[in-house]
Amino acid sequence: MISNERPSPYGRRPYQNQGNYNQGYGQGYGAPKYSQQPRPPVQEDTLKSTDLQVERKSFVFALKENPRGRFLRITEDVGGRRDTIIIPSTGLAEFKKVIDEMVKASEAIPEKQPPPPDPMA
């Protein structure tokens, strides 16, 4: 174990086995998938939703609420592959602040230009 790692409350990780890495764990990281109980569906209410297209990427911003609270779900879809992040509503103001700082930095820092083509090539 690396010095800054702590034992997981979910069991051993496959890479921590000293011998065969697939001793009943299947493929992937973490506890065996076959022993996990499926989670019951949680009722989510959509409060507001907006779609955004940027180049080849589609984004869906959905402000939702469930019994645990409100959150913003941002889903990126690129050619059918989806990735999602969820920001609890308690962090939205800080998230917006970071996004605003990144927009300002993107506008202030000039883009790097590719070198001109070599006329001898």
PDB file of N, CA and C in Angstrom:
ATOM      1  N   MET A   1       0.848  -1.176   0.000  1.00  0.00           N
ATOM      2  CA  MET A   1       0.000   0.000   0.000  1.00  0.00           C
ATOM      3  C   MET A   1       0.891   1.236   0.000  1.00  0.00           C
ATOM      4  N   ILE A   2       0.548   2.218  -0.796  1.00  0.00           N
ATOM      5  CA  ILE A   2       1.278   3.479  -0.838  1.00  0.00           C
ATOM      6  C   ILE A   2       0.970   4.223   0.459  1.00  0.00           C
ATOM      7  N   SER A   3       1.923   5.008   0.949  1.00  0.00           N
ATOM      8  CA  SER A   3       1.799   5.614   2.270  1.00  0.00           C
ATOM      9  C   SER A   3       0.578   6.516   2.417  1.00  0.00           C
ATOM     10  N   ASN A   4       0.122   7.159   1.355  1.00  0.00           N
ATOM     11  CA  ASN A   4      -1.021   8.047   1.499  1.00  0.00           C
ATOM     12  C   ASN A   4      -2.350   7.359   1.223  1.00  0.00           C
ATOM     13  N   GLU A   5      -2.349   6.064   0.949  1.00  0.00           N
ATOM     14  CA  GLU A   5      -3.586   5.335   0.720  1.00  0.00           C
ATOM     15  C   GLU A   5      -4.134   4.830   2.042  1.00  0.00           C
ATOM     16  N   ARG A   6      -5.413   4.754   2.131  1.00  0.00           N
ATOM     17  CA  ARG A   6      -6.082   4.215   3.298  1.00  0.00           C
ATOM     18  C   ARG A   6      -6.884   3.004   2.863  1.00  0.00           C
ATOM     19  N   PRO A   7      -7.069   2.022   3.745  1.00  0.00           N
ATOM     20  CA  PRO A   7      -7.901   0.874   3.379  1.00  0.00           C
ATOM     21  C   PRO A   7      -9.308   1.340   3.020  1.00  0.00           C
ATOM     22  N   SER A   8      -9.849   0.748   1.996  1.00  0.00           N
ATOM     23  CA  SER A   8     -11.180   1.112   1.540  1.00  0.00           C
ATOM     24  C   SER A   8     -12.235   0.411   2.385  1.00  0.00           C
ATOM     25  N   PRO A   9     -13.314   1.114   2.743  1.00  0.00           N
ATOM     26  CA  PRO A   9     -14.407   0.447   3.457  1.00  0.00           C
ATOM     27  C   PRO A   9     -15.169  -0.498   2.543  1.00  0.00           C
ATOM     28  N   TYR A  10     -14.879  -0.482   1.244  1.00  0.00           N
ATOM     29  CA  TYR A  10     -15.593  -1.305   0.269  1.00  0.00           C
ATOM     30  C   TYR A  10     -14.838  -2.569  -0.104  1.00  0.00           C
ATOM     31  N   GLY A  11     -13.771  -2.865   0.594  1.00  0.00           N
ATOM     32  CA  GLY A  11     -13.030  -4.086   0.304  1.00  0.00           C
ATOM     33  C   GLY A  11     -11.737  -3.792  -0.432  1.00  0.00           C
ATOM     34  N   ARG A  12     -11.037  -4.873  -0.739  1.00  0.00           N
ATOM     35  CA  ARG A  12      -9.747  -4.741  -1.417  1.00  0.00           C
ATOM     36  C   ARG A  12      -9.933  -4.367  -2.874  1.00  0.00           C
ATOM     37  N   ARG A  13      -8.993  -3.614  -3.385  1.00  0.00           N
ATOM     38  CA  ARG A  13      -8.959  -3.267  -4.798  1.00  0.00           C
ATOM     39  C   ARG A  13      -8.199  -4.358  -5.538  1.00  0.00           C
ATOM     40  N   PRO A  14      -8.538  -4.655  -6.799  1.00  0.00           N
ATOM     41  CA  PRO A  14      -7.857  -5.734  -7.520  1.00  0.00           C
ATOM     42  C   PRO A  14      -6.355  -5.547  -7.621  1.00  0.00           C
ATOM     43  N   TYR A  15      -5.857  -4.323  -7.779  1.00  0.00           N
ATOM     44  CA  TYR A  15      -4.432  -4.133  -7.955  1.00  0.00           C
ATOM     45  C   TYR A  15      -3.657  -4.402  -6.684  1.00  0.00           C
ATOM     46  N   GLN A  16      -4.335  -4.519  -5.545  1.00  0.00           N
ATOM     47  CA  GLN A  16      -3.652  -4.775  -4.290  1.00  0.00           C
ATOM     48  C   GLN A  16      -3.370  -6.258  -4.080  1.00  0.00           C
ATOM     49  N   ASN A  17      -3.974  -7.142  -4.887  1.00  0.00           N
ATOM     50  CA  ASN A  17      -3.692  -8.567  -4.764  1.00  0.00           C
ATOM     51  C   ASN A  17      -2.243  -8.813  -5.153  1.00  0.00           C
ATOM     52  N   GLN A  18      -1.581  -9.680  -4.428  1.00  0.00           N
ATOM     53  CA  GLN A  18      -0.177  -9.946  -4.709  1.00  0.00           C
ATOM     54  C   GLN A  18       0.015 -10.926  -5.850  1.00  0.00           C
ATOM     55  N   GLY A  19      -0.946 -11.805  -6.066  1.00  0.00           N
ATOM     56  CA  GLY A  19      -0.782 -12.826  -7.105  1.00  0.00           C
ATOM     57  C   GLY A  19      -1.612 -12.489  -8.314  1.00  0.00           C
ATOM     58  N   ASN A  20      -2.540 -13.344  -8.605  1.00  0.00           N
ATOM     59  CA  ASN A  20      -3.408 -13.195  -9.761  1.00  0.00           C
ATOM     60  C   ASN A  20      -4.311 -11.973  -9.576  1.00  0.00           C
ATOM     61  N   TYR A  21      -4.335 -11.072 -10.554  1.00  0.00           N
ATOM     62  CA  TYR A  21      -5.118  -9.854 -10.440  1.00  0.00           C
ATOM     63  C   TYR A  21      -6.606 -10.061 -10.656  1.00  0.00           C
ATOM     64  N   ASN A  22      -7.026 -11.214 -11.092  1.00  0.00           N
ATOM     65  CA  ASN A  22      -8.429 -11.460 -11.395  1.00  0.00           C
ATOM     66  C   ASN A  22      -9.041 -12.511 -10.487  1.00  0.00           C
ATOM     67  N   GLN A  23      -8.682 -12.538  -9.242  1.00  0.00           N
ATOM     68  CA  GLN A  23      -9.182 -13.555  -8.327  1.00  0.00           C
ATOM     69  C   GLN A  23     -10.624 -13.239  -7.940  1.00  0.00           C
ATOM     70  N   GLY A  24     -11.557 -13.567  -8.834  1.00  0.00           N
ATOM     71  CA  GLY A  24     -12.963 -13.387  -8.521  1.00  0.00           C
ATOM     72  C   GLY A  24     -13.470 -11.968  -8.621  1.00  0.00           C
ATOM     73  N   TYR A  25     -12.639 -11.051  -9.076  1.00  0.00           N
ATOM     74  CA  TYR A  25     -13.058  -9.660  -9.129  1.00  0.00           C
ATOM     75  C   TYR A  25     -13.667  -9.272 -10.464  1.00  0.00           C
ATOM     76  N   GLY A  26     -13.491 -10.040 -11.501  1.00  0.00           N
ATOM     77  CA  GLY A  26     -13.943  -9.598 -12.815  1.00  0.00           C
ATOM     78  C   GLY A  26     -12.993  -8.534 -13.321  1.00  0.00           C
ATOM     79  N   GLN A  27     -13.443  -7.768 -14.258  1.00  0.00           N
ATOM     80  CA  GLN A  27     -12.582  -6.730 -14.798  1.00  0.00           C
ATOM     81  C   GLN A  27     -12.949  -5.407 -14.181  1.00  0.00           C
ATOM     82  N   GLY A  28     -11.972  -4.518 -14.095  1.00  0.00           N
ATOM     83  CA  GLY A  28     -12.246  -3.174 -13.621  1.00  0.00           C
ATOM     84  C   GLY A  28     -11.716  -2.932 -12.226  1.00  0.00           C
ATOM     85  N   TYR A  29     -12.064  -1.801 -11.695  1.00  0.00           N
ATOM     86  CA  TYR A  29     -11.538  -1.282 -10.452  1.00  0.00           C
ATOM     87  C   TYR A  29     -12.601  -1.380  -9.380  1.00  0.00           C
ATOM     88  N   GLY A  30     -12.229  -1.764  -8.209  1.00  0.00           N
ATOM     89  CA  GLY A  30     -13.155  -1.746  -7.089  1.00  0.00           C
ATOM     90  C   GLY A  30     -13.701  -3.101  -6.736  1.00  0.00           C
ATOM     91  N   ALA A  31     -14.748  -3.088  -5.952  1.00  0.00           N
ATOM     92  CA  ALA A  31     -15.363  -4.327  -5.461  1.00  0.00           C
ATOM     93  C   ALA A  31     -16.028  -5.073  -6.606  1.00  0.00           C
ATOM     94  N   PRO A  32     -16.232  -6.365  -6.439  1.00  0.00           N
ATOM     95  CA  PRO A  32     -16.853  -7.140  -7.518  1.00  0.00           C
ATOM     96  C   PRO A  32     -18.262  -6.643  -7.831  1.00  0.00           C
ATOM     97  N   LYS A  33     -18.535  -6.511  -9.111  1.00  0.00           N
ATOM     98  CA  LYS A  33     -19.825  -5.988  -9.536  1.00  0.00           C
ATOM     99  C   LYS A  33     -20.961  -6.972  -9.288  1.00  0.00           C
ATOM    100  N   TYR A  34     -20.665  -8.279  -9.323  1.00  0.00           N
ATOM    101  CA  TYR A  34     -21.722  -9.273  -9.191  1.00  0.00           C
ATOM    102  C   TYR A  34     -22.310  -9.316  -7.787  1.00  0.00           C
ATOM    103  N   SER A  35     -21.618  -8.788  -6.769  1.00  0.00           N
ATOM    104  CA  SER A  35     -22.140  -8.845  -5.415  1.00  0.00           C
ATOM    105  C   SER A  35     -22.865  -7.566  -5.013  1.00  0.00           C
ATOM    106  N   GLN A  36     -22.841  -6.560  -5.860  1.00  0.00           N
ATOM    107  CA  GLN A  36     -23.485  -5.304  -5.518  1.00  0.00           C
ATOM    108  C   GLN A  36     -24.974  -5.367  -5.821  1.00  0.00           C
ATOM    109  N   GLN A  37     -25.755  -4.833  -4.914  1.00  0.00           N
ATOM    110  CA  GLN A  37     -27.193  -4.743  -5.112  1.00  0.00           C
ATOM    111  C   GLN A  37     -27.482  -3.535  -6.006  1.00  0.00           C
ATOM    112  N   PRO A  38     -28.388  -3.676  -6.969  1.00  0.00           N
ATOM    113  CA  PRO A  38     -28.741  -2.499  -7.767  1.00  0.00           C
ATOM    114  C   PRO A  38     -29.456  -1.478  -6.885  1.00  0.00           C
ATOM    115  N   ARG A  39     -29.160  -0.223  -7.154  1.00  0.00           N
ATOM    116  CA  ARG A  39     -29.790   0.845  -6.383  1.00  0.00           C
ATOM    117  C   ARG A  39     -31.212   1.068  -6.876  1.00  0.00           C
ATOM    118  N   PRO A  40     -32.120   1.313  -5.965  1.00  0.00           N
ATOM    119  CA  PRO A  40     -33.481   1.613  -6.404  1.00  0.00           C
ATOM    120  C   PRO A  40     -33.498   2.974  -7.098  1.00  0.00           C
ATOM    121  N   PRO A  41     -34.370   3.154  -8.082  1.00  0.00           N
ATOM    122  CA  PRO A  41     -34.422   4.448  -8.759  1.00  0.00           C
ATOM    123  C   PRO A  41     -34.859   5.548  -7.790  1.00  0.00           C
ATOM    124  N   VAL A  42     -34.265   6.723  -7.958  1.00  0.00           N
ATOM    125  CA  VAL A  42     -34.590   7.872  -7.125  1.00  0.00           C
ATOM    126  C   VAL A  42     -35.406   8.839  -7.972  1.00  0.00           C
ATOM    127  N   GLN A  43     -36.503   9.297  -7.426  1.00  0.00           N
ATOM    128  CA  GLN A  43     -37.352  10.265  -8.133  1.00  0.00           C
ATOM    129  C   GLN A  43     -36.606  11.583  -8.246  1.00  0.00           C
ATOM    130  N   GLU A  44     -36.411  12.062  -9.478  1.00  0.00           N
ATOM    131  CA  GLU A  44     -35.768  13.343  -9.732  1.00  0.00           C
ATOM    132  C   GLU A  44     -36.738  14.237 -10.488  1.00  0.00           C
ATOM    133  N   ASP A  45     -36.873  15.463 -10.015  1.00  0.00           N
ATOM    134  CA  ASP A  45     -37.699  16.451 -10.707  1.00  0.00           C
ATOM    135  C   ASP A  45     -36.781  17.408 -11.443  1.00  0.00           C
ATOM    136  N   THR A  46     -37.060  17.647 -12.724  1.00  0.00           N
ATOM    137  CA  THR A  46     -36.286  18.600 -13.510  1.00  0.00           C
ATOM    138  C   THR A  46     -36.903  19.975 -13.320  1.00  0.00           C
ATOM    139  N   LEU A  47     -36.112  20.903 -12.789  1.00  0.00           N
ATOM    140  CA  LEU A  47     -36.593  22.260 -12.532  1.00  0.00           C
ATOM    141  C   LEU A  47     -36.363  23.163 -13.740  1.00  0.00           C
ATOM    142  N   LYS A  48     -35.245  22.933 -14.437  1.00  0.00           N
ATOM    143  CA  LYS A  48     -34.928  23.710 -15.644  1.00  0.00           C
ATOM    144  C   LYS A  48     -33.904  22.917 -16.435  1.00  0.00           C
ATOM    145  N   SER A  49     -33.998  22.995 -17.762  1.00  0.00           N
ATOM    146  CA  SER A  49     -33.065  22.270 -18.616  1.00  0.00           C
ATOM    147  C   SER A  49     -32.751  23.110 -19.844  1.00  0.00           C
ATOM    148  N   THR A  50     -31.482  23.092 -20.254  1.00  0.00           N
ATOM    149  CA  THR A  50     -31.032  23.843 -21.423  1.00  0.00           C
ATOM    150  C   THR A  50     -30.030  23.001 -22.201  1.00  0.00           C
ATOM    151  N   ASP A  51     -30.140  23.034 -23.529  1.00  0.00           N
ATOM    152  CA  ASP A  51     -29.190  22.339 -24.405  1.00  0.00           C
ATOM    153  C   ASP A  51     -28.234  23.363 -24.996  1.00  0.00           C
ATOM    154  N   LEU A  52     -27.002  22.933 -25.232  1.00  0.00           N
ATOM    155  CA  LEU A  52     -25.977  23.789 -25.815  1.00  0.00           C
ATOM    156  C   LEU A  52     -25.140  22.960 -26.773  1.00  0.00           C
ATOM    157  N   GLN A  53     -24.932  23.468 -27.982  1.00  0.00           N
ATOM    158  CA  GLN A  53     -24.094  22.802 -28.981  1.00  0.00           C
ATOM    159  C   GLN A  53     -22.817  23.623 -29.139  1.00  0.00           C
ATOM    160  N   VAL A  54     -21.650  22.992 -28.934  1.00  0.00           N
ATOM    161  CA  VAL A  54     -20.355  23.641 -29.122  1.00  0.00           C
ATOM    162  C   VAL A  54     -19.533  22.726 -30.018  1.00  0.00           C
ATOM    163  N   GLU A  55     -19.306  23.189 -31.239  1.00  0.00           N
ATOM    164  CA  GLU A  55     -18.626  22.393 -32.252  1.00  0.00           C
ATOM    165  C   GLU A  55     -19.317  21.037 -32.380  1.00  0.00           C
ATOM    166  N   ARG A  56     -18.610  19.933 -32.176  1.00  0.00           N
ATOM    167  CA  ARG A  56     -19.226  18.606 -32.317  1.00  0.00           C
ATOM    168  C   ARG A  56     -19.825  18.099 -31.016  1.00  0.00           C
ATOM    169  N   LYS A  57     -19.746  18.875 -29.961  1.00  0.00           N
ATOM    170  CA  LYS A  57     -20.202  18.421 -28.652  1.00  0.00           C
ATOM    171  C   LYS A  57     -21.570  19.001 -28.322  1.00  0.00           C
ATOM    172  N   SER A  58     -22.406  18.167 -27.751  1.00  0.00           N
ATOM    173  CA  SER A  58     -23.711  18.605 -27.245  1.00  0.00           C
ATOM    174  C   SER A  58     -23.664  18.546 -25.728  1.00  0.00           C
ATOM    175  N   PHE A  59     -24.172  19.575 -25.091  1.00  0.00           N
ATOM    176  CA  PHE A  59     -24.243  19.617 -23.632  1.00  0.00           C
ATOM    177  C   PHE A  59     -25.696  19.785 -23.221  1.00  0.00           C
ATOM    178  N   VAL A  60     -26.072  19.114 -22.156  1.00  0.00           N
ATOM    179  CA  VAL A  60     -27.382  19.303 -21.547  1.00  0.00           C
ATOM    180  C   VAL A  60     -27.125  19.730 -20.111  1.00  0.00           C
ATOM    181  N   PHE A  61     -27.645  20.904 -19.758  1.00  0.00           N
ATOM    182  CA  PHE A  61     -27.560  21.417 -18.397  1.00  0.00           C
ATOM    183  C   PHE A  61     -28.941  21.226 -17.785  1.00  0.00           C
ATOM    184  N   ALA A  62     -29.037  20.446 -16.737  1.00  0.00           N
ATOM    185  CA  ALA A  62     -30.337  20.165 -16.118  1.00  0.00           C
ATOM    186  C   ALA A  62     -30.248  20.448 -14.624  1.00  0.00           C
ATOM    187  N   LEU A  63     -31.040  21.423 -14.172  1.00  0.00           N
ATOM    188  CA  LEU A  63     -31.168  21.693 -12.746  1.00  0.00           C
ATOM    189  C   LEU A  63     -32.242  20.750 -12.229  1.00  0.00           C
ATOM    190  N   LYS A  64     -31.866  19.896 -11.285  1.00  0.00           N
ATOM    191  CA  LYS A  64     -32.771  18.853 -10.810  1.00  0.00           C
ATOM    192  C   LYS A  64     -32.861  18.894  -9.302  1.00  0.00           C
ATOM    193  N   GLU A  65     -33.869  18.159  -8.805  1.00  0.00           N
ATOM    194  CA  GLU A  65     -34.054  18.050  -7.362  1.00  0.00           C
ATOM    195  C   GLU A  65     -34.525  16.637  -7.052  1.00  0.00           C
ATOM    196  N   ASN A  66     -33.977  16.079  -5.980  1.00  0.00           N
ATOM    197  CA  ASN A  66     -34.429  14.782  -5.488  1.00  0.00           C
ATOM    198  C   ASN A  66     -34.515  14.882  -3.965  1.00  0.00           C
ATOM    199  N   PRO A  67     -34.879  13.818  -3.265  1.00  0.00           N
ATOM    200  CA  PRO A  67     -34.998  13.915  -1.806  1.00  0.00           C
ATOM    201  C   PRO A  67     -33.717  14.351  -1.096  1.00  0.00           C
ATOM    202  N   ARG A  68     -32.564  14.172  -1.734  1.00  0.00           N
ATOM    203  CA  ARG A  68     -31.304  14.575  -1.109  1.00  0.00           C
ATOM    204  C   ARG A  68     -30.965  16.033  -1.362  1.00  0.00           C
ATOM    205  N   GLY A  69     -31.649  16.715  -2.285  1.00  0.00           N
ATOM    206  CA  GLY A  69     -31.398  18.123  -2.534  1.00  0.00           C
ATOM    207  C   GLY A  69     -31.372  18.465  -4.010  1.00  0.00           C
ATOM    208  N   ARG A  70     -30.976  19.701  -4.283  1.00  0.00           N
ATOM    209  CA  ARG A  70     -30.882  20.196  -5.662  1.00  0.00           C
ATOM    210  C   ARG A  70     -29.469  20.032  -6.178  1.00  0.00           C
ATOM    211  N   PHE A  71     -29.374  19.900  -7.518  1.00  0.00           N
ATOM    212  CA  PHE A  71     -28.072  19.737  -8.139  1.00  0.00           C
ATOM    213  C   PHE A  71     -28.174  20.091  -9.606  1.00  0.00           C
ATOM    214  N   LEU A  72     -27.021  20.402 -10.184  1.00  0.00           N
ATOM    215  CA  LEU A  72     -26.916  20.656 -11.615  1.00  0.00           C
ATOM    216  C   LEU A  72     -26.223  19.462 -12.238  1.00  0.00           C
ATOM    217  N   ARG A  73     -26.876  18.853 -13.207  1.00  0.00           N
ATOM    218  CA  ARG A  73     -26.271  17.743 -13.946  1.00  0.00           C
ATOM    219  C   ARG A  73     -25.874  18.286 -15.320  1.00  0.00           C
ATOM    220  N   ILE A  74     -24.590  18.153 -15.659  1.00  0.00           N
ATOM    221  CA  ILE A  74     -24.086  18.568 -16.964  1.00  0.00           C
ATOM    222  C   ILE A  74     -23.676  17.311 -17.695  1.00  0.00           C
ATOM    223  N   THR A  75     -24.335  17.058 -18.826  1.00  0.00           N
ATOM    224  CA  THR A  75     -24.043  15.869 -19.621  1.00  0.00           C
ATOM    225  C   THR A  75     -23.472  16.305 -20.952  1.00  0.00           C
ATOM    226  N   GLU A  76     -22.322  15.716 -21.301  1.00  0.00           N
ATOM    227  CA  GLU A  76     -21.659  15.969 -22.577  1.00  0.00           C
ATOM    228  C   GLU A  76     -21.889  14.747 -23.454  1.00  0.00           C
ATOM    229  N   ASP A  77     -22.325  14.972 -24.679  1.00  0.00           N
ATOM    230  CA  ASP A  77     -22.542  13.883 -25.631  1.00  0.00           C
ATOM    231  C   ASP A  77     -21.693  14.159 -26.863  1.00  0.00           C
ATOM    232  N   VAL A  78     -20.770  13.236 -27.145  1.00  0.00           N
ATOM    233  CA  VAL A  78     -19.926  13.345 -28.333  1.00  0.00           C
ATOM    234  C   VAL A  78     -20.059  12.037 -29.086  1.00  0.00           C
ATOM    235  N   GLY A  79     -20.758  12.069 -30.193  1.00  0.00           N
ATOM    236  CA  GLY A  79     -20.913  10.873 -31.014  1.00  0.00           C
ATOM    237  C   GLY A  79     -21.529   9.695 -30.276  1.00  0.00           C
ATOM    238  N   GLY A  80     -22.479   9.950 -29.390  1.00  0.00           N
ATOM    239  CA  GLY A  80     -23.142   8.878 -28.665  1.00  0.00           C
ATOM    240  C   GLY A  80     -22.470   8.489 -27.365  1.00  0.00           C
ATOM    241  N   ARG A  81     -21.289   8.992 -27.104  1.00  0.00           N
ATOM    242  CA  ARG A  81     -20.601   8.712 -25.833  1.00  0.00           C
ATOM    243  C   ARG A  81     -20.933   9.827 -24.857  1.00  0.00           C
ATOM    244  N   ARG A  82     -21.451   9.466 -23.694  1.00  0.00           N
ATOM    245  CA  ARG A  82     -21.890  10.461 -22.718  1.00  0.00           C
ATOM    246  C   ARG A  82     -21.019  10.448 -21.475  1.00  0.00           C
ATOM    247  N   ASP A  83     -20.736  11.637 -20.995  1.00  0.00           N
ATOM    248  CA  ASP A  83     -20.061  11.828 -19.715  1.00  0.00           C
ATOM    249  C   ASP A  83     -20.876  12.850 -18.935  1.00  0.00           C
ATOM    250  N   THR A  84     -20.975  12.641 -17.631  1.00  0.00           N
ATOM    251  CA  THR A  84     -21.810  13.502 -16.802  1.00  0.00           C
ATOM    252  C   THR A  84     -21.067  13.912 -15.546  1.00  0.00           C
ATOM    253  N   ILE A  85     -21.262  15.176 -15.166  1.00  0.00           N
ATOM    254  CA  ILE A  85     -20.818  15.623 -13.851  1.00  0.00           C
ATOM    255  C   ILE A  85     -22.028  16.184 -13.126  1.00  0.00           C
ATOM    256  N   ILE A  86     -22.004  16.092 -11.816  1.00  0.00           N
ATOM    257  CA  ILE A  86     -23.101  16.590 -10.994  1.00  0.00           C
ATOM    258  C   ILE A  86     -22.514  17.540  -9.966  1.00  0.00           C
ATOM    259  N   ILE A  87     -23.078  18.752  -9.899  1.00  0.00           N
ATOM    260  CA  ILE A  87     -22.631  19.747  -8.936  1.00  0.00           C
ATOM    261  C   ILE A  87     -23.773  20.012  -7.974  1.00  0.00           C
ATOM    262  N   PRO A  88     -23.583  19.762  -6.676  1.00  0.00           N
ATOM    263  CA  PRO A  88     -24.635  20.077  -5.706  1.00  0.00           C
ATOM    264  C   PRO A  88     -24.926  21.579  -5.738  1.00  0.00           C
ATOM    265  N   SER A  89     -26.168  21.947  -5.469  1.00  0.00           N
ATOM    266  CA  SER A  89     -26.551  23.360  -5.538  1.00  0.00           C
ATOM    267  C   SER A  89     -25.740  24.214  -4.575  1.00  0.00           C
ATOM    268  N   THR A  90     -25.267  23.623  -3.493  1.00  0.00           N
ATOM    269  CA  THR A  90     -24.454  24.384  -2.544  1.00  0.00           C
ATOM    270  C   THR A  90     -23.122  24.818  -3.142  1.00  0.00           C
ATOM    271  N   GLY A  91     -22.694  24.204  -4.241  1.00  0.00           N
ATOM    272  CA  GLY A  91     -21.432  24.560  -4.870  1.00  0.00           C
ATOM    273  C   GLY A  91     -21.576  25.325  -6.167  1.00  0.00           C
ATOM    274  N   LEU A  92     -22.816  25.649  -6.576  1.00  0.00           N
ATOM    275  CA  LEU A  92     -23.017  26.298  -7.869  1.00  0.00           C
ATOM    276  C   LEU A  92     -22.381  27.683  -7.955  1.00  0.00           C
ATOM    277  N   ALA A  93     -22.470  28.478  -6.895  1.00  0.00           N
ATOM    278  CA  ALA A  93     -21.889  29.831  -6.933  1.00  0.00           C
ATOM    279  C   ALA A  93     -20.372  29.748  -7.102  1.00  0.00           C
ATOM    280  N   GLU A  94     -19.732  28.839  -6.373  1.00  0.00           N
ATOM    281  CA  GLU A  94     -18.280  28.670  -6.492  1.00  0.00           C
ATOM    282  C   GLU A  94     -17.913  28.120  -7.867  1.00  0.00           C
ATOM    283  N   PHE A  95     -18.724  27.190  -8.386  1.00  0.00           N
ATOM    284  CA  PHE A  95     -18.509  26.634  -9.717  1.00  0.00           C
ATOM    285  C   PHE A  95     -18.590  27.744 -10.766  1.00  0.00           C
ATOM    286  N   LYS A  96     -19.594  28.601 -10.659  1.00  0.00           N
ATOM    287  CA  LYS A  96     -19.752  29.725 -11.584  1.00  0.00           C
ATOM    288  C   LYS A  96     -18.551  30.670 -11.500  1.00  0.00           C
ATOM    289  N   LYS A  97     -18.067  30.905 -10.290  1.00  0.00           N
ATOM    290  CA  LYS A  97     -16.912  31.786 -10.105  1.00  0.00           C
ATOM    291  C   LYS A  97     -15.688  31.232 -10.843  1.00  0.00           C
ATOM    292  N   VAL A  98     -15.460  29.927 -10.728  1.00  0.00           N
ATOM    293  CA  VAL A  98     -14.320  29.302 -11.410  1.00  0.00           C
ATOM    294  C   VAL A  98     -14.506  29.365 -12.924  1.00  0.00           C
ATOM    295  N   ILE A  99     -15.721  29.099 -13.404  1.00  0.00           N
ATOM    296  CA  ILE A  99     -15.991  29.175 -14.847  1.00  0.00           C
ATOM    297  C   ILE A  99     -15.751  30.601 -15.346  1.00  0.00           C
ATOM    298  N   ASP A 100     -16.244  31.597 -14.606  1.00  0.00           N
ATOM    299  CA  ASP A 100     -16.027  32.992 -14.999  1.00  0.00           C
ATOM    300  C   ASP A 100     -14.541  33.326 -15.078  1.00  0.00           C
ATOM    301  N   GLU A 101     -13.743  32.837 -14.111  1.00  0.00           N
ATOM    302  CA  GLU A 101     -12.305  33.073 -14.128  1.00  0.00           C
ATOM    303  C   GLU A 101     -11.657  32.419 -15.350  1.00  0.00           C
ATOM    304  N   MET A 102     -12.116  31.219 -15.706  1.00  0.00           N
ATOM    305  CA  MET A 102     -11.553  30.526 -16.871  1.00  0.00           C
ATOM    306  C   MET A 102     -11.912  31.248 -18.167  1.00  0.00           C
ATOM    307  N   VAL A 103     -13.119  31.785 -18.251  1.00  0.00           N
ATOM    308  CA  VAL A 103     -13.530  32.542 -19.446  1.00  0.00           C
ATOM    309  C   VAL A 103     -12.657  33.788 -19.576  1.00  0.00           C
ATOM    310  N   LYS A 104     -12.454  34.512 -18.471  1.00  0.00           N
ATOM    311  CA  LYS A 104     -11.601  35.702 -18.503  1.00  0.00           C
ATOM    312  C   LYS A 104     -10.179  35.339 -18.924  1.00  0.00           C
ATOM    313  N   ALA A 105      -9.649  34.249 -18.379  1.00  0.00           N
ATOM    314  CA  ALA A 105      -8.290  33.830 -18.729  1.00  0.00           C
ATOM    315  C   ALA A 105      -8.206  33.441 -20.199  1.00  0.00           C
ATOM    316  N   SER A 106      -9.226  32.749 -20.700  1.00  0.00           N
ATOM    317  CA  SER A 106      -9.230  32.340 -22.109  1.00  0.00           C
ATOM    318  C   SER A 106      -9.252  33.548 -23.036  1.00  0.00           C
ATOM    319  N   GLU A 107      -9.968  34.595 -22.637  1.00  0.00           N
ATOM    320  CA  GLU A 107     -10.029  35.807 -23.449  1.00  0.00           C
ATOM    321  C   GLU A 107      -8.740  36.620 -23.348  1.00  0.00           C
ATOM    322  N   ALA A 108      -8.074  36.570 -22.185  1.00  0.00           N
ATOM    323  CA  ALA A 108      -6.890  37.400 -21.957  1.00  0.00           C
ATOM    324  C   ALA A 108      -5.607  36.764 -22.490  1.00  0.00           C
ATOM    325  N   ILE A 109      -5.517  35.455 -22.483  1.00  0.00           N
ATOM    326  CA  ILE A 109      -4.296  34.780 -22.903  1.00  0.00           C
ATOM    327  C   ILE A 109      -4.384  34.508 -24.400  1.00  0.00           C
ATOM    328  N   PRO A 110      -3.424  35.012 -25.181  1.00  0.00           N
ATOM    329  CA  PRO A 110      -3.488  34.774 -26.626  1.00  0.00           C
ATOM    330  C   PRO A 110      -3.284  33.288 -26.940  1.00  0.00           C
ATOM    331  N   GLU A 111      -3.991  32.842 -27.982  1.00  0.00           N
ATOM    332  CA  GLU A 111      -3.849  31.451 -28.410  1.00  0.00           C
ATOM    333  C   GLU A 111      -2.485  31.261 -29.052  1.00  0.00           C
ATOM    334  N   LYS A 112      -1.927  30.069 -28.847  1.00  0.00           N
ATOM    335  CA  LYS A 112      -0.657  29.741 -29.490  1.00  0.00           C
ATOM    336  C   LYS A 112      -0.941  29.445 -30.955  1.00  0.00           C
ATOM    337  N   GLN A 113      -0.152  30.054 -31.810  1.00  0.00           N
ATOM    338  CA  GLN A 113      -0.308  29.852 -33.252  1.00  0.00           C
ATOM    339  C   GLN A 113       0.613  28.711 -33.694  1.00  0.00           C
ATOM    340  N   PRO A 114       0.134  27.839 -34.547  1.00  0.00           N
ATOM    341  CA  PRO A 114       1.032  26.777 -35.045  1.00  0.00           C
ATOM    342  C   PRO A 114       2.145  27.407 -35.872  1.00  0.00           C
ATOM    343  N   PRO A 115       3.320  26.786 -35.882  1.00  0.00           N
ATOM    344  CA  PRO A 115       4.422  27.354 -36.676  1.00  0.00           C
ATOM    345  C   PRO A 115       4.055  27.345 -38.154  1.00  0.00           C
ATOM    346  N   PRO A 116       4.556  28.343 -38.892  1.00  0.00           N
ATOM    347  CA  PRO A 116       4.244  28.385 -40.334  1.00  0.00           C
ATOM    348  C   PRO A 116       4.830  27.158 -41.030  1.00  0.00           C
ATOM    349  N   PRO A 117       4.193  26.723 -42.133  1.00  0.00           N
ATOM    350  CA  PRO A 117       4.723  25.548 -42.853  1.00  0.00           C
ATOM    351  C   PRO A 117       6.130  25.830 -43.373  1.00  0.00           C
ATOM    352  N   ASP A 118       6.936  24.785 -43.360  1.00  0.00           N
ATOM    353  CA  ASP A 118       8.323  24.884 -43.838  1.00  0.00           C
ATOM    354  C   ASP A 118       8.288  24.930 -45.372  1.00  0.00           C
ATOM    355  N   PRO A 119       8.778  26.032 -45.984  1.00  0.00           N
ATOM    356  CA  PRO A 119       8.731  26.124 -47.456  1.00  0.00           C
ATOM    357  C   PRO A 119       9.642  25.093 -48.124  1.00  0.00           C
ATOM    358  N   MET A 120      10.583  24.533 -47.391  1.00  0.00           N
ATOM    359  CA  MET A 120      11.496  23.567 -47.970  1.00  0.00           C
ATOM    360  C   MET A 120      10.921  22.143 -47.929  1.00  0.00           C
ATOM    361  N   ALA A 121       9.807  21.975 -47.257  1.00  0.00           N
ATOM    362  CA  ALA A 121       9.250  20.623 -47.107  1.00  0.00           C
ATOM    363  C   ALA A 121       8.406  20.227 -48.278  1.00  0.00           C
TER     364      ALA A 121
END
